Amino acid sequence: MSRHIAVYAPEDEAEEWEEKASEMGMSLSEWVMSMTRAGQKPFGREVTPNQSQDDFRQQRNDYRKELQRARDRIEELEERVHRSERDAVVGYIDENPGAEYGDVVQHVVNTVNSRVTEILDDVEGDDIEIDEQGRMYTK
């Protein structure tokens, strides 16, 4: 059984309530009852965290270690790629003394597939996965 209770509110506040009720898909009566119930719930000033400060510190330290490992691995891979490209250029010039710029560029372009394959072989399983269709994903 329901009972009618009248509430008088300033016009602008009543409009605001109607908008909020509409946003929540409620009638104005439902919204006013919900807000009244919510306002009656007891609450205290004490907040009990789900985790202690020690837990947060440990988690932060774990994330820092993980981040540092990732940075170290990225640095190692970048160095490997740089070395691979450098070795390709120096090796070509060593085998072709007096080579011109265009020849070196063409050699790098012609041999890029084998170097990329070598790099992918190095990182497969550690940093990337390749599915049955040959598509690659990072871990």
C-alpha atoms as a PDB file:
ATOM      1  CA  MET A   1       0.000   0.000   0.000  1.00  0.00           C
ATOM      2  CA  SER A   2       1.316   3.456  -0.906  1.00  0.00           C
ATOM      3  CA  ARG A   3       0.650   6.759   0.724  1.00  0.00           C
ATOM      4  CA  HIS A   4       0.824  10.171  -0.948  1.00  0.00           C
ATOM      5  CA  ILE A   5       3.316  12.628   0.518  1.00  0.00           C
ATOM      6  CA  ALA A   6       3.614  16.112  -0.982  1.00  0.00           C
ATOM      7  CA  VAL A   7       6.957  17.879  -1.167  1.00  0.00           C
ATOM      8  CA  TYR A   8       7.447  21.498  -2.099  1.00  0.00           C
ATOM      9  CA  ALA A   9      10.793  22.373  -3.691  1.00  0.00           C
ATOM     10  CA  PRO A  10      12.097  25.516  -5.359  1.00  0.00           C
ATOM     11  CA  GLU A  11      11.374  25.476  -9.103  1.00  0.00           C
ATOM     12  CA  ASP A  12      15.009  25.140 -10.199  1.00  0.00           C
ATOM     13  CA  GLU A  13      15.627  22.296  -7.743  1.00  0.00           C
ATOM     14  CA  ALA A  14      12.460  20.491  -8.836  1.00  0.00           C
ATOM     15  CA  GLU A  15      13.622  20.747 -12.473  1.00  0.00           C
ATOM     16  CA  GLU A  16      17.021  19.364 -11.516  1.00  0.00           C
ATOM     17  CA  TRP A  17      15.366  16.411  -9.738  1.00  0.00           C
ATOM     18  CA  GLU A  18      13.199  15.711 -12.789  1.00  0.00           C
ATOM     19  CA  GLU A  19      16.283  15.724 -15.053  1.00  0.00           C
ATOM     20  CA  LYS A  20      18.191  13.364 -12.764  1.00  0.00           C
ATOM     21  CA  ALA A  21      15.212  11.035 -12.458  1.00  0.00           C
ATOM     22  CA  SER A  22      14.860  10.982 -16.248  1.00  0.00           C
ATOM     23  CA  GLU A  23      18.602  10.264 -16.684  1.00  0.00           C
ATOM     24  CA  MET A  24      18.221   7.267 -14.368  1.00  0.00           C
ATOM     25  CA  GLY A  25      15.031   6.070 -16.096  1.00  0.00           C
ATOM     26  CA  MET A  26      12.931   6.646 -12.983  1.00  0.00           C
ATOM     27  CA  SER A  27       9.805   8.563 -12.240  1.00  0.00           C
ATOM     28  CA  LEU A  28      10.224  11.619 -10.039  1.00  0.00           C
ATOM     29  CA  SER A  29       8.517   9.775  -7.146  1.00  0.00           C
ATOM     30  CA  GLU A  30      10.871   6.780  -7.485  1.00  0.00           C
ATOM     31  CA  TRP A  31      13.898   9.061  -7.613  1.00  0.00           C
ATOM     32  CA  VAL A  32      12.865  11.082  -4.525  1.00  0.00           C
ATOM     33  CA  MET A  33      12.216   7.840  -2.583  1.00  0.00           C
ATOM     34  CA  SER A  34      15.610   6.417  -3.655  1.00  0.00           C
ATOM     35  CA  MET A  35      17.471   9.564  -2.664  1.00  0.00           C
ATOM     36  CA  THR A  36      15.605   9.721   0.666  1.00  0.00           C
ATOM     37  CA  ARG A  37      16.539   6.096   1.419  1.00  0.00           C
ATOM     38  CA  ALA A  38      20.148   6.731   0.426  1.00  0.00           C
ATOM     39  CA  GLY A  39      20.281   9.733   2.742  1.00  0.00           C
ATOM     40  CA  GLN A  40      19.067   7.623   5.674  1.00  0.00           C
ATOM     41  CA  LYS A  41      21.822   5.009   5.381  1.00  0.00           C
ATOM     42  CA  PRO A  42      24.314   5.243   8.215  1.00  0.00           C
ATOM     43  CA  PHE A  43      27.877   6.079   7.400  1.00  0.00           C
ATOM     44  CA  GLY A  44      30.860   6.734   9.558  1.00  0.00           C
ATOM     45  CA  ARG A  45      34.003   8.732   9.204  1.00  0.00           C
ATOM     46  CA  GLU A  46      36.227   5.668   9.487  1.00  0.00           C
ATOM     47  CA  VAL A  47      37.268   4.025   6.248  1.00  0.00           C
ATOM     48  CA  THR A  48      38.791   0.573   6.275  1.00  0.00           C
ATOM     49  CA  PRO A  49      41.031   0.077   3.251  1.00  0.00           C
ATOM     50  CA  ASN A  50      40.983  -3.227   1.402  1.00  0.00           C
ATOM     51  CA  GLN A  51      44.771  -3.278   1.412  1.00  0.00           C
ATOM     52  CA  SER A  52      47.324  -2.099   3.913  1.00  0.00           C
ATOM     53  CA  GLN A  53      50.060   0.391   3.124  1.00  0.00           C
ATOM     54  CA  ASP A  54      52.555  -2.470   3.211  1.00  0.00           C
ATOM     55  CA  ASP A  55      50.509  -4.286   0.559  1.00  0.00           C
ATOM     56  CA  PHE A  56      50.505  -1.170  -1.615  1.00  0.00           C
ATOM     57  CA  ARG A  57      54.250  -0.701  -1.144  1.00  0.00           C
ATOM     58  CA  GLN A  58      54.912  -4.307  -2.084  1.00  0.00           C
ATOM     59  CA  GLN A  59      52.671  -4.014  -5.128  1.00  0.00           C
ATOM     60  CA  ARG A  60      54.379  -0.751  -6.141  1.00  0.00           C
ATOM     61  CA  ASN A  61      57.812  -2.352  -5.746  1.00  0.00           C
ATOM     62  CA  ASP A  62      56.728  -5.365  -7.797  1.00  0.00           C
ATOM     63  CA  TYR A  63      55.500  -3.043 -10.557  1.00  0.00           C
ATOM     64  CA  ARG A  64      58.773  -1.104 -10.465  1.00  0.00           C
ATOM     65  CA  LYS A  65      60.773  -4.315 -10.842  1.00  0.00           C
ATOM     66  CA  GLU A  66      58.532  -5.476 -13.679  1.00  0.00           C
ATOM     67  CA  LEU A  67      58.856  -2.097 -15.391  1.00  0.00           C
ATOM     68  CA  GLN A  68      62.636  -2.157 -15.055  1.00  0.00           C
ATOM     69  CA  ARG A  69      62.795  -5.685 -16.512  1.00  0.00           C
ATOM     70  CA  ALA A  70      60.660  -4.540 -19.440  1.00  0.00           C
ATOM     71  CA  ARG A  71      62.848  -1.478 -19.993  1.00  0.00           C
ATOM     72  CA  ASP A  72      65.989  -3.609 -19.870  1.00  0.00           C
ATOM     73  CA  ARG A  73      64.495  -6.061 -22.372  1.00  0.00           C
ATOM     74  CA  ILE A  74      63.439  -3.249 -24.708  1.00  0.00           C
ATOM     75  CA  GLU A  75      66.911  -1.731 -24.501  1.00  0.00           C
ATOM     76  CA  GLU A  76      68.461  -5.111 -25.270  1.00  0.00           C
ATOM     77  CA  LEU A  77      66.181  -5.639 -28.283  1.00  0.00           C
ATOM     78  CA  GLU A  78      66.804  -2.120 -29.583  1.00  0.00           C
ATOM     79  CA  GLU A  79      70.534  -2.681 -29.279  1.00  0.00           C
ATOM     80  CA  ARG A  80      70.179  -5.981 -31.133  1.00  0.00           C
ATOM     81  CA  VAL A  81      68.229  -4.349 -33.952  1.00  0.00           C
ATOM     82  CA  HIS A  82      70.729  -1.484 -34.152  1.00  0.00           C
ATOM     83  CA  ARG A  83      73.638  -3.945 -34.167  1.00  0.00           C
ATOM     84  CA  SER A  84      71.921  -6.040 -36.839  1.00  0.00           C
ATOM     85  CA  GLU A  85      71.396  -3.032 -39.100  1.00  0.00           C
ATOM     86  CA  ARG A  86      74.878  -1.725 -38.400  1.00  0.00           C
ATOM     87  CA  ASP A  87      76.418  -5.121 -39.104  1.00  0.00           C
ATOM     88  CA  ALA A  88      74.499  -5.363 -42.379  1.00  0.00           C
ATOM     89  CA  VAL A  89      75.877  -2.013 -43.544  1.00  0.00           C
ATOM     90  CA  VAL A  90      79.442  -2.542 -42.325  1.00  0.00           C
ATOM     91  CA  GLY A  91      79.517  -6.114 -43.660  1.00  0.00           C
ATOM     92  CA  TYR A  92      78.347  -5.003 -47.098  1.00  0.00           C
ATOM     93  CA  ILE A  93      80.927  -2.217 -47.273  1.00  0.00           C
ATOM     94  CA  ASP A  94      83.637  -4.613 -46.065  1.00  0.00           C
ATOM     95  CA  GLU A  95      82.734  -7.031 -48.880  1.00  0.00           C
ATOM     96  CA  ASN A  96      82.307  -4.189 -51.414  1.00  0.00           C
ATOM     97  CA  PRO A  97      85.000  -1.566 -50.791  1.00  0.00           C
ATOM     98  CA  GLY A  98      84.133   1.764 -52.377  1.00  0.00           C
ATOM     99  CA  ALA A  99      80.403   1.013 -52.361  1.00  0.00           C
ATOM    100  CA  GLU A 100      78.184   4.014 -52.920  1.00  0.00           C
ATOM    101  CA  TYR A 101      75.292   5.138 -50.744  1.00  0.00           C
ATOM    102  CA  GLY A 102      72.610   3.842 -53.120  1.00  0.00           C
ATOM    103  CA  ASP A 103      74.300   0.406 -53.224  1.00  0.00           C
ATOM    104  CA  VAL A 104      74.330   0.215 -49.429  1.00  0.00           C
ATOM    105  CA  VAL A 105      70.656   1.219 -49.222  1.00  0.00           C
ATOM    106  CA  GLN A 106      69.714  -1.362 -51.840  1.00  0.00           C
ATOM    107  CA  HIS A 107      71.618  -4.063 -49.948  1.00  0.00           C
ATOM    108  CA  VAL A 108      69.824  -3.174 -46.697  1.00  0.00           C
ATOM    109  CA  VAL A 109      66.466  -3.276 -48.509  1.00  0.00           C
ATOM    110  CA  ASN A 110      67.282  -6.597 -50.178  1.00  0.00           C
ATOM    111  CA  THR A 111      68.368  -8.282 -46.950  1.00  0.00           C
ATOM    112  CA  VAL A 112      65.839  -6.845 -44.484  1.00  0.00           C
ATOM    113  CA  ASN A 113      63.636  -9.961 -44.598  1.00  0.00           C
ATOM    114  CA  SER A 114      66.351 -12.246 -43.283  1.00  0.00           C
ATOM    115  CA  ARG A 115      67.247  -9.827 -40.482  1.00  0.00           C
ATOM    116  CA  VAL A 116      63.595  -9.408 -39.436  1.00  0.00           C
ATOM    117  CA  THR A 117      63.180 -13.183 -39.460  1.00  0.00           C
ATOM    118  CA  GLU A 118      66.230 -13.527 -37.213  1.00  0.00           C
ATOM    119  CA  ILE A 119      64.879 -10.916 -34.788  1.00  0.00           C
ATOM    120  CA  LEU A 120      61.443 -12.560 -34.715  1.00  0.00           C
ATOM    121  CA  ASP A 121      63.053 -15.931 -34.033  1.00  0.00           C
ATOM    122  CA  ASP A 122      64.903 -14.360 -31.086  1.00  0.00           C
ATOM    123  CA  VAL A 123      61.828 -12.815 -29.483  1.00  0.00           C
ATOM    124  CA  GLU A 124      59.233 -15.474 -30.303  1.00  0.00           C
ATOM    125  CA  GLY A 125      58.018 -17.064 -27.109  1.00  0.00           C
ATOM    126  CA  ASP A 126      59.499 -14.336 -24.912  1.00  0.00           C
ATOM    127  CA  ASP A 127      57.766 -11.237 -26.210  1.00  0.00           C
ATOM    128  CA  ILE A 128      55.533 -12.339 -29.064  1.00  0.00           C
ATOM    129  CA  GLU A 129      53.314 -15.241 -30.035  1.00  0.00           C
ATOM    130  CA  ILE A 130      52.603 -16.324 -33.593  1.00  0.00           C
ATOM    131  CA  ASP A 131      49.328 -18.127 -34.257  1.00  0.00           C
ATOM    132  CA  GLU A 132      48.621 -20.858 -36.834  1.00  0.00           C
ATOM    133  CA  GLN A 133      47.835 -18.262 -39.521  1.00  0.00           C
ATOM    134  CA  GLY A 134      51.154 -16.475 -38.947  1.00  0.00           C
ATOM    135  CA  ARG A 135      49.599 -13.475 -37.162  1.00  0.00           C
ATOM    136  CA  MET A 136      51.733 -11.998 -34.409  1.00  0.00           C
ATOM    137  CA  TYR A 137      50.708 -10.738 -30.976  1.00  0.00           C
ATOM    138  CA  THR A 138      52.669  -9.336 -28.051  1.00  0.00           C
ATOM    139  CA  LYS A 139      52.407 -11.135 -24.750  1.00  0.00           C
END
